[in-house]
PDB file of N, CA and C in Angstrom:
ATOM      1  N   UNK A   1     -11.208   0.982  36.688  1.00  0.00           N
ATOM      2  CA  UNK A   1     -10.335  -0.168  36.578  1.00  0.00           C
ATOM      3  C   UNK A   1      -8.993   0.181  37.196  1.00  0.00           C
ATOM      4  N   UNK A   2      -8.459  -0.708  37.950  1.00  0.00           N
ATOM      5  CA  UNK A   2      -7.215  -0.500  38.657  1.00  0.00           C
ATOM      6  C   UNK A   2      -6.029  -0.692  37.707  1.00  0.00           C
ATOM      7  N   UNK A   3      -5.079   0.231  37.737  1.00  0.00           N
ATOM      8  CA  UNK A   3      -3.898   0.109  36.882  1.00  0.00           C
ATOM      9  C   UNK A   3      -2.929  -0.890  37.490  1.00  0.00           C
ATOM     10  N   UNK A   4      -2.498  -1.817  36.677  1.00  0.00           N
ATOM     11  CA  UNK A   4      -1.528  -2.806  37.125  1.00  0.00           C
ATOM     12  C   UNK A   4      -0.470  -2.974  36.050  1.00  0.00           C
ATOM     13  N   UNK A   5       0.582  -3.670  36.409  1.00  0.00           N
ATOM     14  CA  UNK A   5       1.634  -3.932  35.433  1.00  0.00           C
ATOM     15  C   UNK A   5       1.130  -4.831  34.308  1.00  0.00           C
ATOM     16  N   UNK A   6       0.222  -5.771  34.645  1.00  0.00           N
ATOM     17  CA  UNK A   6      -0.313  -6.652  33.607  1.00  0.00           C
ATOM     18  C   UNK A   6      -1.094  -5.863  32.571  1.00  0.00           C
ATOM     19  N   UNK A   7      -1.865  -4.873  33.033  1.00  0.00           N
ATOM     20  CA  UNK A   7      -2.622  -4.043  32.097  1.00  0.00           C
ATOM     21  C   UNK A   7      -1.661  -3.252  31.222  1.00  0.00           C
ATOM     22  N   UNK A   8      -0.596  -2.720  31.831  1.00  0.00           N
ATOM     23  CA  UNK A   8       0.390  -1.965  31.063  1.00  0.00           C
ATOM     24  C   UNK A   8       1.069  -2.865  30.035  1.00  0.00           C
ATOM     25  N   UNK A   9       1.482  -4.061  30.447  1.00  0.00           N
ATOM     26  CA  UNK A   9       2.133  -4.973  29.513  1.00  0.00           C
ATOM     27  C   UNK A   9       1.178  -5.395  28.399  1.00  0.00           C
ATOM     28  N   UNK A  10      -0.082  -5.578  28.742  1.00  0.00           N
ATOM     29  CA  UNK A  10      -1.055  -5.947  27.711  1.00  0.00           C
ATOM     30  C   UNK A  10      -1.224  -4.822  26.703  1.00  0.00           C
ATOM     31  N   UNK A  11      -1.291  -3.587  27.201  1.00  0.00           N
ATOM     32  CA  UNK A  11      -1.425  -2.450  26.289  1.00  0.00           C
ATOM     33  C   UNK A  11      -0.181  -2.311  25.424  1.00  0.00           C
ATOM     34  N   UNK A  12       0.987  -2.522  26.011  1.00  0.00           N
ATOM     35  CA  UNK A  12       2.224  -2.445  25.237  1.00  0.00           C
ATOM     36  C   UNK A  12       2.276  -3.554  24.186  1.00  0.00           C
ATOM     37  N   UNK A  13       1.774  -4.729  24.527  1.00  0.00           N
ATOM     38  CA  UNK A  13       1.753  -5.823  23.565  1.00  0.00           C
ATOM     39  C   UNK A  13       0.804  -5.518  22.409  1.00  0.00           C
ATOM     40  N   UNK A  14      -0.316  -4.885  22.724  1.00  0.00           N
ATOM     41  CA  UNK A  14      -1.266  -4.522  21.674  1.00  0.00           C
ATOM     42  C   UNK A  14      -0.631  -3.521  20.722  1.00  0.00           C
ATOM     43  N   UNK A  15       0.046  -2.534  21.288  1.00  0.00           N
ATOM     44  CA  UNK A  15       0.712  -1.543  20.443  1.00  0.00           C
ATOM     45  C   UNK A  15       1.802  -2.209  19.620  1.00  0.00           C
ATOM     46  N   UNK A  16       2.577  -3.084  20.236  1.00  0.00           N
ATOM     47  CA  UNK A  16       3.642  -3.782  19.514  1.00  0.00           C
ATOM     48  C   UNK A  16       3.099  -4.689  18.429  1.00  0.00           C
ATOM     49  N   UNK A  17       2.004  -5.385  18.728  1.00  0.00           N
ATOM     50  CA  UNK A  17       1.416  -6.270  17.722  1.00  0.00           C
ATOM     51  C   UNK A  17       0.833  -5.482  16.567  1.00  0.00           C
ATOM     52  N   UNK A  18       0.286  -4.311  16.867  1.00  0.00           N
ATOM     53  CA  UNK A  18      -0.300  -3.522  15.784  1.00  0.00           C
ATOM     54  C   UNK A  18       0.770  -2.848  14.932  1.00  0.00           C
ATOM     55  N   UNK A  19       1.973  -2.707  15.450  1.00  0.00           N
ATOM     56  CA  UNK A  19       3.034  -2.041  14.711  1.00  0.00           C
ATOM     57  C   UNK A  19       3.876  -3.003  13.883  1.00  0.00           C
ATOM     58  N   UNK A  20       3.747  -4.290  14.137  1.00  0.00           N
ATOM     59  CA  UNK A  20       4.547  -5.248  13.377  1.00  0.00           C
ATOM     60  C   UNK A  20       4.007  -5.369  11.968  1.00  0.00           C
ATOM     61  N   UNK A  21       4.910  -5.395  11.039  1.00  0.00           N
ATOM     62  CA  UNK A  21       4.541  -5.527   9.633  1.00  0.00           C
ATOM     63  C   UNK A  21       5.394  -6.637   9.049  1.00  0.00           C
ATOM     64  N   UNK A  22       4.745  -7.582   8.421  1.00  0.00           N
ATOM     65  CA  UNK A  22       5.506  -8.677   7.824  1.00  0.00           C
ATOM     66  C   UNK A  22       6.192  -8.201   6.559  1.00  0.00           C
ATOM     67  N   UNK A  23       7.175  -8.949   6.118  1.00  0.00           N
ATOM     68  CA  UNK A  23       7.945  -8.596   4.934  1.00  0.00           C
ATOM     69  C   UNK A  23       7.053  -8.548   3.692  1.00  0.00           C
ATOM     70  N   UNK A  24       6.124  -9.503   3.581  1.00  0.00           N
ATOM     71  CA  UNK A  24       5.231  -9.536   2.428  1.00  0.00           C
ATOM     72  C   UNK A  24       4.334  -8.300   2.401  1.00  0.00           C
ATOM     73  N   UNK A  25       3.843  -7.878   3.553  1.00  0.00           N
ATOM     74  CA  UNK A  25       2.969  -6.717   3.608  1.00  0.00           C
ATOM     75  C   UNK A  25       3.740  -5.453   3.260  1.00  0.00           C
ATOM     76  N   UNK A  26       4.971  -5.361   3.722  1.00  0.00           N
ATOM     77  CA  UNK A  26       5.775  -4.175   3.448  1.00  0.00           C
ATOM     78  C   UNK A  26       6.105  -4.055   1.967  1.00  0.00           C
ATOM     79  N   UNK A  27       6.284  -5.179   1.274  1.00  0.00           N
ATOM     80  CA  UNK A  27       6.614  -5.162  -0.139  1.00  0.00           C
ATOM     81  C   UNK A  27       5.376  -5.255  -1.012  1.00  0.00           C
ATOM     82  N   UNK A  28       4.196  -5.354  -0.415  1.00  0.00           N
ATOM     83  CA  UNK A  28       2.905  -5.415  -1.105  1.00  0.00           C
ATOM     84  C   UNK A  28       2.834  -6.588  -2.076  1.00  0.00           C
ATOM     85  N   UNK A  29       3.375  -7.745  -1.677  1.00  0.00           N
ATOM     86  CA  UNK A  29       3.287  -8.945  -2.493  1.00  0.00           C
ATOM     87  C   UNK A  29       2.153  -9.801  -1.950  1.00  0.00           C
ATOM     88  N   UNK A  30       1.439 -10.491  -2.821  1.00  0.00           N
ATOM     89  CA  UNK A  30       0.376 -11.359  -2.318  1.00  0.00           C
ATOM     90  C   UNK A  30       0.956 -12.557  -1.574  1.00  0.00           C
ATOM     91  N   UNK A  31       0.236 -13.020  -0.577  1.00  0.00           N
ATOM     92  CA  UNK A  31       0.671 -14.177   0.200  1.00  0.00           C
ATOM     93  C   UNK A  31       0.600 -15.425  -0.669  1.00  0.00           C
ATOM     94  N   UNK A  32       1.526 -16.370  -0.508  1.00  0.00           N
ATOM     95  CA  UNK A  32       1.530 -17.558  -1.347  1.00  0.00           C
ATOM     96  C   UNK A  32       0.275 -18.413  -1.175  1.00  0.00           C
ATOM     97  N   UNK A  33      -0.172 -18.580   0.043  1.00  0.00           N
ATOM     98  CA  UNK A  33      -1.397 -19.336   0.284  1.00  0.00           C
ATOM     99  C   UNK A  33      -2.026 -18.821   1.576  1.00  0.00           C
ATOM    100  N   UNK A  34      -3.340 -18.744   1.632  1.00  0.00           N
ATOM    101  CA  UNK A  34      -3.977 -18.263   2.850  1.00  0.00           C
ATOM    102  C   UNK A  34      -3.806 -19.266   3.986  1.00  0.00           C
ATOM    103  N   UNK A  35      -3.581 -18.739   5.168  1.00  0.00           N
ATOM    104  CA  UNK A  35      -3.440 -19.605   6.333  1.00  0.00           C
ATOM    105  C   UNK A  35      -4.807 -19.770   6.983  1.00  0.00           C
ATOM    106  N   UNK A  36      -5.091 -20.944   7.512  1.00  0.00           N
ATOM    107  CA  UNK A  36      -6.398 -21.132   8.148  1.00  0.00           C
ATOM    108  C   UNK A  36      -6.494 -20.325   9.438  1.00  0.00           C
ATOM    109  N   UNK A  37      -7.663 -19.811   9.703  1.00  0.00           N
ATOM    110  CA  UNK A  37      -7.906 -19.043  10.922  1.00  0.00           C
ATOM    111  C   UNK A  37      -8.096 -20.036  12.064  1.00  0.00           C
ATOM    112  N   UNK A  38      -7.282 -19.910  13.143  1.00  0.00           N
ATOM    113  CA  UNK A  38      -7.437 -20.857  14.248  1.00  0.00           C
ATOM    114  C   UNK A  38      -8.747 -20.607  14.996  1.00  0.00           C
ATOM    115  N   UNK A  39      -9.369 -21.669  15.426  1.00  0.00           N
ATOM    116  CA  UNK A  39     -10.575 -21.539  16.225  1.00  0.00           C
ATOM    117  C   UNK A  39     -10.172 -21.235  17.658  1.00  0.00           C
ATOM    118  N   UNK A  40     -11.058 -20.623  18.443  1.00  0.00           N
ATOM    119  CA  UNK A  40     -10.694 -20.281  19.824  1.00  0.00           C
ATOM    120  C   UNK A  40     -10.271 -21.489  20.655  1.00  0.00           C
ATOM    121  N   UNK A  41     -10.749 -22.690  20.343  1.00  0.00           N
ATOM    122  CA  UNK A  41     -10.369 -23.852  21.140  1.00  0.00           C
ATOM    123  C   UNK A  41      -8.929 -24.262  20.888  1.00  0.00           C
ATOM    124  N   UNK A  42      -8.406 -24.038  19.666  1.00  0.00           N
ATOM    125  CA  UNK A  42      -7.035 -24.425  19.379  1.00  0.00           C
ATOM    126  C   UNK A  42      -6.070 -23.257  19.478  1.00  0.00           C
ATOM    127  N   UNK A  43      -6.558 -22.107  19.871  1.00  0.00           N
ATOM    128  CA  UNK A  43      -5.731 -20.911  19.962  1.00  0.00           C
ATOM    129  C   UNK A  43      -4.935 -20.943  21.258  1.00  0.00           C
ATOM    130  N   UNK A  44      -3.613 -20.673  21.217  1.00  0.00           N
ATOM    131  CA  UNK A  44      -2.788 -20.786  22.413  1.00  0.00           C
ATOM    132  C   UNK A  44      -2.958 -19.639  23.410  1.00  0.00           C
ATOM    133  N   UNK A  45      -3.667 -18.592  23.052  1.00  0.00           N
ATOM    134  CA  UNK A  45      -3.810 -17.448  23.937  1.00  0.00           C
ATOM    135  C   UNK A  45      -4.725 -17.771  25.106  1.00  0.00           C
ATOM    136  N   UNK A  46      -4.467 -17.102  26.216  1.00  0.00           N
ATOM    137  CA  UNK A  46      -5.303 -17.283  27.393  1.00  0.00           C
ATOM    138  C   UNK A  46      -6.628 -16.547  27.199  1.00  0.00           C
ATOM    139  N   UNK A  47      -7.629 -16.879  27.990  1.00  0.00           N
ATOM    140  CA  UNK A  47      -8.905 -16.159  27.886  1.00  0.00           C
ATOM    141  C   UNK A  47      -8.759 -14.664  28.172  1.00  0.00           C
ATOM    142  N   UNK A  48      -7.839 -14.294  29.061  1.00  0.00           N
ATOM    143  CA  UNK A  48      -7.631 -12.869  29.356  1.00  0.00           C
ATOM    144  C   UNK A  48      -7.062 -12.143  28.137  1.00  0.00           C
ATOM    145  N   UNK A  49      -6.115 -12.760  27.444  1.00  0.00           N
ATOM    146  CA  UNK A  49      -5.537 -12.148  26.248  1.00  0.00           C
ATOM    147  C   UNK A  49      -6.590 -12.039  25.152  1.00  0.00           C
ATOM    148  N   UNK A  50      -7.416 -13.060  25.019  1.00  0.00           N
ATOM    149  CA  UNK A  50      -8.471 -13.040  24.004  1.00  0.00           C
ATOM    150  C   UNK A  50      -9.499 -11.942  24.317  1.00  0.00           C
ATOM    151  N   UNK A  51      -9.837 -11.768  25.590  1.00  0.00           N
ATOM    152  CA  UNK A  51     -10.797 -10.740  25.984  1.00  0.00           C
ATOM    153  C   UNK A  51     -10.248  -9.340  25.713  1.00  0.00           C
ATOM    154  N   UNK A  52      -8.956  -9.137  26.000  1.00  0.00           N
ATOM    155  CA  UNK A  52      -8.348  -7.832  25.697  1.00  0.00           C
ATOM    156  C   UNK A  52      -8.319  -7.582  24.195  1.00  0.00           C
ATOM    157  N   UNK A  53      -8.069  -8.617  23.424  1.00  0.00           N
ATOM    158  CA  UNK A  53      -8.064  -8.465  21.973  1.00  0.00           C
ATOM    159  C   UNK A  53      -9.463  -8.132  21.458  1.00  0.00           C
ATOM    160  N   UNK A  54     -10.481  -8.731  22.041  1.00  0.00           N
ATOM    161  CA  UNK A  54     -11.857  -8.431  21.645  1.00  0.00           C
ATOM    162  C   UNK A  54     -12.204  -6.962  21.886  1.00  0.00           C
ATOM    163  N   UNK A  55     -11.603  -6.376  22.928  1.00  0.00           N
ATOM    164  CA  UNK A  55     -11.873  -4.959  23.230  1.00  0.00           C
ATOM    165  C   UNK A  55     -11.288  -4.035  22.169  1.00  0.00           C
ATOM    166  N   UNK A  56     -10.392  -4.530  21.334  1.00  0.00           N
ATOM    167  CA  UNK A  56      -9.836  -3.710  20.263  1.00  0.00           C
ATOM    168  C   UNK A  56     -10.887  -3.387  19.199  1.00  0.00           C
ATOM    169  N   UNK A  57     -11.982  -4.140  19.202  1.00  0.00           N
ATOM    170  CA  UNK A  57     -13.074  -3.847  18.270  1.00  0.00           C
ATOM    171  C   UNK A  57     -13.728  -2.505  18.585  1.00  0.00           C
ATOM    172  N   UNK A  58     -13.538  -1.997  19.800  1.00  0.00           N
ATOM    173  CA  UNK A  58     -14.050  -0.664  20.118  1.00  0.00           C
ATOM    174  C   UNK A  58     -13.311   0.395  19.300  1.00  0.00           C
ATOM    175  N   UNK A  59     -12.055   0.127  18.955  1.00  0.00           N
ATOM    176  CA  UNK A  59     -11.258   1.062  18.172  1.00  0.00           C
ATOM    177  C   UNK A  59     -11.390   0.809  16.676  1.00  0.00           C
ATOM    178  N   UNK A  60     -11.561  -0.455  16.291  1.00  0.00           N
ATOM    179  CA  UNK A  60     -11.721  -0.803  14.884  1.00  0.00           C
ATOM    180  C   UNK A  60     -12.734  -1.948  14.775  1.00  0.00           C
ATOM    181  N   UNK A  61     -13.997  -1.614  14.508  1.00  0.00           N
ATOM    182  CA  UNK A  61     -15.022  -2.664  14.467  1.00  0.00           C
ATOM    183  C   UNK A  61     -14.887  -3.617  13.285  1.00  0.00           C
ATOM    184  N   UNK A  62     -13.994  -3.336  12.344  1.00  0.00           N
ATOM    185  CA  UNK A  62     -13.838  -4.172  11.157  1.00  0.00           C
ATOM    186  C   UNK A  62     -12.746  -5.228  11.301  1.00  0.00           C
ATOM    187  N   UNK A  63     -12.223  -5.426  12.504  1.00  0.00           N
ATOM    188  CA  UNK A  63     -11.197  -6.451  12.711  1.00  0.00           C
ATOM    189  C   UNK A  63     -11.796  -7.832  12.495  1.00  0.00           C
ATOM    190  N   UNK A  64     -11.098  -8.665  11.748  1.00  0.00           N
ATOM    191  CA  UNK A  64     -11.581 -10.030  11.552  1.00  0.00           C
ATOM    192  C   UNK A  64     -10.941 -10.958  12.584  1.00  0.00           C
ATOM    193  N   UNK A  65     -11.336 -12.218  12.556  1.00  0.00           N
ATOM    194  CA  UNK A  65     -10.861 -13.181  13.559  1.00  0.00           C
ATOM    195  C   UNK A  65      -9.355 -13.415  13.479  1.00  0.00           C
ATOM    196  N   UNK A  66      -8.790 -13.410  12.285  1.00  0.00           N
ATOM    197  CA  UNK A  66      -7.348 -13.629  12.145  1.00  0.00           C
ATOM    198  C   UNK A  66      -6.569 -12.479  12.786  1.00  0.00           C
ATOM    199  N   UNK A  67      -7.051 -11.266  12.596  1.00  0.00           N
ATOM    200  CA  UNK A  67      -6.376 -10.114  13.198  1.00  0.00           C
ATOM    201  C   UNK A  67      -6.516 -10.148  14.714  1.00  0.00           C
ATOM    202  N   UNK A  68      -7.696 -10.521  15.208  1.00  0.00           N
ATOM    203  CA  UNK A  68      -7.875 -10.624  16.658  1.00  0.00           C
ATOM    204  C   UNK A  68      -6.992 -11.723  17.246  1.00  0.00           C
ATOM    205  N   UNK A  69      -6.830 -12.812  16.526  1.00  0.00           N
ATOM    206  CA  UNK A  69      -5.966 -13.895  17.003  1.00  0.00           C
ATOM    207  C   UNK A  69      -4.522 -13.418  17.074  1.00  0.00           C
ATOM    208  N   UNK A  70      -4.103 -12.625  16.091  1.00  0.00           N
ATOM    209  CA  UNK A  70      -2.731 -12.100  16.094  1.00  0.00           C
ATOM    210  C   UNK A  70      -2.519 -11.124  17.255  1.00  0.00           C
ATOM    211  N   UNK A  71      -3.514 -10.284  17.506  1.00  0.00           N
ATOM    212  CA  UNK A  71      -3.429  -9.349  18.636  1.00  0.00           C
ATOM    213  C   UNK A  71      -3.384 -10.124  19.942  1.00  0.00           C
ATOM    214  N   UNK A  72      -4.228 -11.154  20.080  1.00  0.00           N
ATOM    215  CA  UNK A  72      -4.238 -11.962  21.303  1.00  0.00           C
ATOM    216  C   UNK A  72      -2.902 -12.663  21.504  1.00  0.00           C
ATOM    217  N   UNK A  73      -2.270 -13.116  20.424  1.00  0.00           N
ATOM    218  CA  UNK A  73      -0.941 -13.727  20.542  1.00  0.00           C
ATOM    219  C   UNK A  73       0.075 -12.718  21.064  1.00  0.00           C
ATOM    220  N   UNK A  74       0.012 -11.488  20.578  1.00  0.00           N
ATOM    221  CA  UNK A  74       0.916 -10.444  21.058  1.00  0.00           C
ATOM    222  C   UNK A  74       0.700 -10.130  22.523  1.00  0.00           C
ATOM    223  N   UNK A  75      -0.559 -10.094  22.936  1.00  0.00           N
ATOM    224  CA  UNK A  75      -0.862  -9.854  24.348  1.00  0.00           C
ATOM    225  C   UNK A  75      -0.341 -11.001  25.200  1.00  0.00           C
ATOM    226  N   UNK A  76      -0.534 -12.233  24.726  1.00  0.00           N
ATOM    227  CA  UNK A  76      -0.055 -13.397  25.463  1.00  0.00           C
ATOM    228  C   UNK A  76       1.467 -13.379  25.589  1.00  0.00           C
ATOM    229  N   UNK A  77       2.156 -12.951  24.535  1.00  0.00           N
ATOM    230  CA  UNK A  77       3.615 -12.823  24.609  1.00  0.00           C
ATOM    231  C   UNK A  77       4.004 -11.786  25.653  1.00  0.00           C
ATOM    232  N   UNK A  78       3.226 -10.716  25.741  1.00  0.00           N
ATOM    233  CA  UNK A  78       3.480  -9.694  26.764  1.00  0.00           C
ATOM    234  C   UNK A  78       3.317 -10.254  28.164  1.00  0.00           C
ATOM    235  N   UNK A  79       2.281 -11.086  28.357  1.00  0.00           N
ATOM    236  CA  UNK A  79       2.106 -11.731  29.652  1.00  0.00           C
ATOM    237  C   UNK A  79       3.289 -12.639  29.961  1.00  0.00           C
ATOM    238  N   UNK A  80       3.770 -13.369  28.953  1.00  0.00           N
ATOM    239  CA  UNK A  80       4.916 -14.258  29.144  1.00  0.00           C
ATOM    240  C   UNK A  80       6.178 -13.486  29.471  1.00  0.00           C
ATOM    241  N   UNK A  81       6.338 -12.322  28.839  1.00  0.00           N
ATOM    242  CA  UNK A  81       7.494 -11.483  29.123  1.00  0.00           C
ATOM    243  C   UNK A  81       7.471 -11.024  30.572  1.00  0.00           C
ATOM    244  N   UNK A  82       6.300 -10.673  31.051  1.00  0.00           N
ATOM    245  CA  UNK A  82       6.176 -10.277  32.454  1.00  0.00           C
ATOM    246  C   UNK A  82       6.572 -11.411  33.386  1.00  0.00           C
ATOM    247  N   UNK A  83       6.202 -12.639  33.034  1.00  0.00           N
ATOM    248  CA  UNK A  83       6.580 -13.791  33.842  1.00  0.00           C
ATOM    249  C   UNK A  83       8.067 -14.071  33.787  1.00  0.00           C
ATOM    250  N   UNK A  84       8.685 -13.790  32.633  1.00  0.00           N
ATOM    251  CA  UNK A  84      10.130 -13.995  32.510  1.00  0.00           C
ATOM    252  C   UNK A  84      10.904 -12.946  33.314  1.00  0.00           C
ATOM    253  N   UNK A  85      10.377 -11.736  33.369  1.00  0.00           N
ATOM    254  CA  UNK A  85      11.051 -10.679  34.126  1.00  0.00           C
ATOM    255  C   UNK A  85      10.902 -10.869  35.630  1.00  0.00           C
ATOM    256  N   UNK A  86       9.808 -11.489  36.052  1.00  0.00           N
ATOM    257  CA  UNK A  86       9.549 -11.686  37.463  1.00  0.00           C
ATOM    258  C   UNK A  86       9.086 -13.125  37.680  1.00  0.00           C
ATOM    259  N   UNK A  87      10.013 -14.111  37.613  1.00  0.00           N
ATOM    260  CA  UNK A  87       9.603 -15.516  37.669  1.00  0.00           C
ATOM    261  C   UNK A  87       8.976 -15.927  39.003  1.00  0.00           C
ATOM    262  N   UNK A  88       9.348 -15.279  40.097  1.00  0.00           N
ATOM    263  CA  UNK A  88       8.792 -15.645  41.402  1.00  0.00           C
ATOM    264  C   UNK A  88       7.451 -14.972  41.660  1.00  0.00           C
ATOM    265  N   UNK A  89       7.087 -13.994  40.853  1.00  0.00           N
ATOM    266  CA  UNK A  89       5.809 -13.312  41.014  1.00  0.00           C
ATOM    267  C   UNK A  89       5.749 -12.386  42.208  1.00  0.00           C
ATOM    268  N   UNK A  90       6.904 -11.890  42.652  1.00  0.00           N
ATOM    269  CA  UNK A  90       6.899 -10.981  43.789  1.00  0.00           C
ATOM    270  C   UNK A  90       6.369  -9.614  43.366  1.00  0.00           C
ATOM    271  N   UNK A  91       5.588  -9.010  44.247  1.00  0.00           N
ATOM    272  CA  UNK A  91       5.008  -7.710  43.958  1.00  0.00           C
ATOM    273  C   UNK A  91       5.900  -6.622  44.532  1.00  0.00           C
ATOM    274  N   UNK A  92       6.040  -5.560  43.793  1.00  0.00           N
ATOM    275  CA  UNK A  92       6.837  -4.433  44.246  1.00  0.00           C
ATOM    276  C   UNK A  92       5.958  -3.438  44.980  1.00  0.00           C
ATOM    277  N   UNK A  93       6.503  -2.831  46.008  1.00  0.00           N
ATOM    278  CA  UNK A  93       5.805  -1.761  46.709  1.00  0.00           C
ATOM    279  C   UNK A  93       6.112  -0.458  45.991  1.00  0.00           C
ATOM    280  N   UNK A  94       5.378   0.571  46.319  1.00  0.00           N
ATOM    281  CA  UNK A  94       5.594   1.852  45.664  1.00  0.00           C
ATOM    282  C   UNK A  94       7.000   2.400  45.914  1.00  0.00           C
ATOM    283  N   UNK A  95       7.561   2.117  47.058  1.00  0.00           N
ATOM    284  CA  UNK A  95       8.887   2.636  47.379  1.00  0.00           C
ATOM    285  C   UNK A  95      10.027   1.805  46.818  1.00  0.00           C
ATOM    286  N   UNK A  96       9.734   0.641  46.270  1.00  0.00           N
ATOM    287  CA  UNK A  96      10.772  -0.220  45.713  1.00  0.00           C
ATOM    288  C   UNK A  96      11.196   0.299  44.349  1.00  0.00           C
ATOM    289  N   UNK A  97      12.364   0.828  44.304  1.00  0.00           N
ATOM    290  CA  UNK A  97      12.900   1.330  43.037  1.00  0.00           C
ATOM    291  C   UNK A  97      14.415   1.231  43.109  1.00  0.00           C
ATOM    292  N   UNK A  98      15.051   1.036  41.980  1.00  0.00           N
ATOM    293  CA  UNK A  98      16.508   0.999  42.011  1.00  0.00           C
ATOM    294  C   UNK A  98      17.068   2.375  42.360  1.00  0.00           C
ATOM    295  N   UNK A  99      18.143   2.374  43.114  1.00  0.00           N
ATOM    296  CA  UNK A  99      18.788   3.635  43.474  1.00  0.00           C
ATOM    297  C   UNK A  99      19.678   4.062  42.331  1.00  0.00           C
ATOM    298  N   UNK A 100      19.439   5.245  41.793  1.00  0.00           N
ATOM    299  CA  UNK A 100      20.311   5.687  40.696  1.00  0.00           C
ATOM    300  C   UNK A 100      21.711   5.966  41.220  1.00  0.00           C
ATOM    301  N   UNK A 101      22.686   5.576  40.453  1.00  0.00           N
ATOM    302  CA  UNK A 101      24.072   5.788  40.836  1.00  0.00           C
ATOM    303  C   UNK A 101      24.735   6.639  39.772  1.00  0.00           C
ATOM    304  N   UNK A 102      25.224   7.800  40.169  1.00  0.00           N
ATOM    305  CA  UNK A 102      25.837   8.720  39.243  1.00  0.00           C
ATOM    306  C   UNK A 102      27.348   8.738  39.467  1.00  0.00           C
ATOM    307  N   UNK A 103      28.093   8.695  38.373  1.00  0.00           N
ATOM    308  CA  UNK A 103      29.546   8.760  38.464  1.00  0.00           C
ATOM    309  C   UNK A 103      30.027   9.866  37.546  1.00  0.00           C
ATOM    310  N   UNK A 104      31.029  10.535  38.010  1.00  0.00           N
ATOM    311  CA  UNK A 104      31.644  11.579  37.194  1.00  0.00           C
ATOM    312  C   UNK A 104      32.988  11.052  36.750  1.00  0.00           C
ATOM    313  N   UNK A 105      33.162  10.945  35.432  1.00  0.00           N
ATOM    314  CA  UNK A 105      34.421  10.446  34.911  1.00  0.00           C
ATOM    315  C   UNK A 105      35.375  11.568  34.588  1.00  0.00           C
ATOM    316  N   UNK A 106      36.646  11.250  34.632  1.00  0.00           N
ATOM    317  CA  UNK A 106      37.644  12.283  34.345  1.00  0.00           C
ATOM    318  C   UNK A 106      38.020  12.288  32.893  1.00  0.00           C
TER     319      UNK A 106
END
């Protein structure tokens, strides 16, 4: 598989989504009411984000649909962040990098 920025952002989103802990979970309080699990047709994630989330079952086969939906949302946010950072969709070449500028202060 070819490494791309989208793959990197998706992996970073998965790590970020798995590290988020809600306030209720951190305090070990029961949730006031269970939230309904969204069906794939009403889920806002793209098919690519959903497919990447499904691959997380290779690491934890006990993930339920609500957890996969949350992971897919995190991946989709990562894709959106990539679009916000590069709205025109221009691709960078390997040599395109910012020139570091060093200053010595007195």
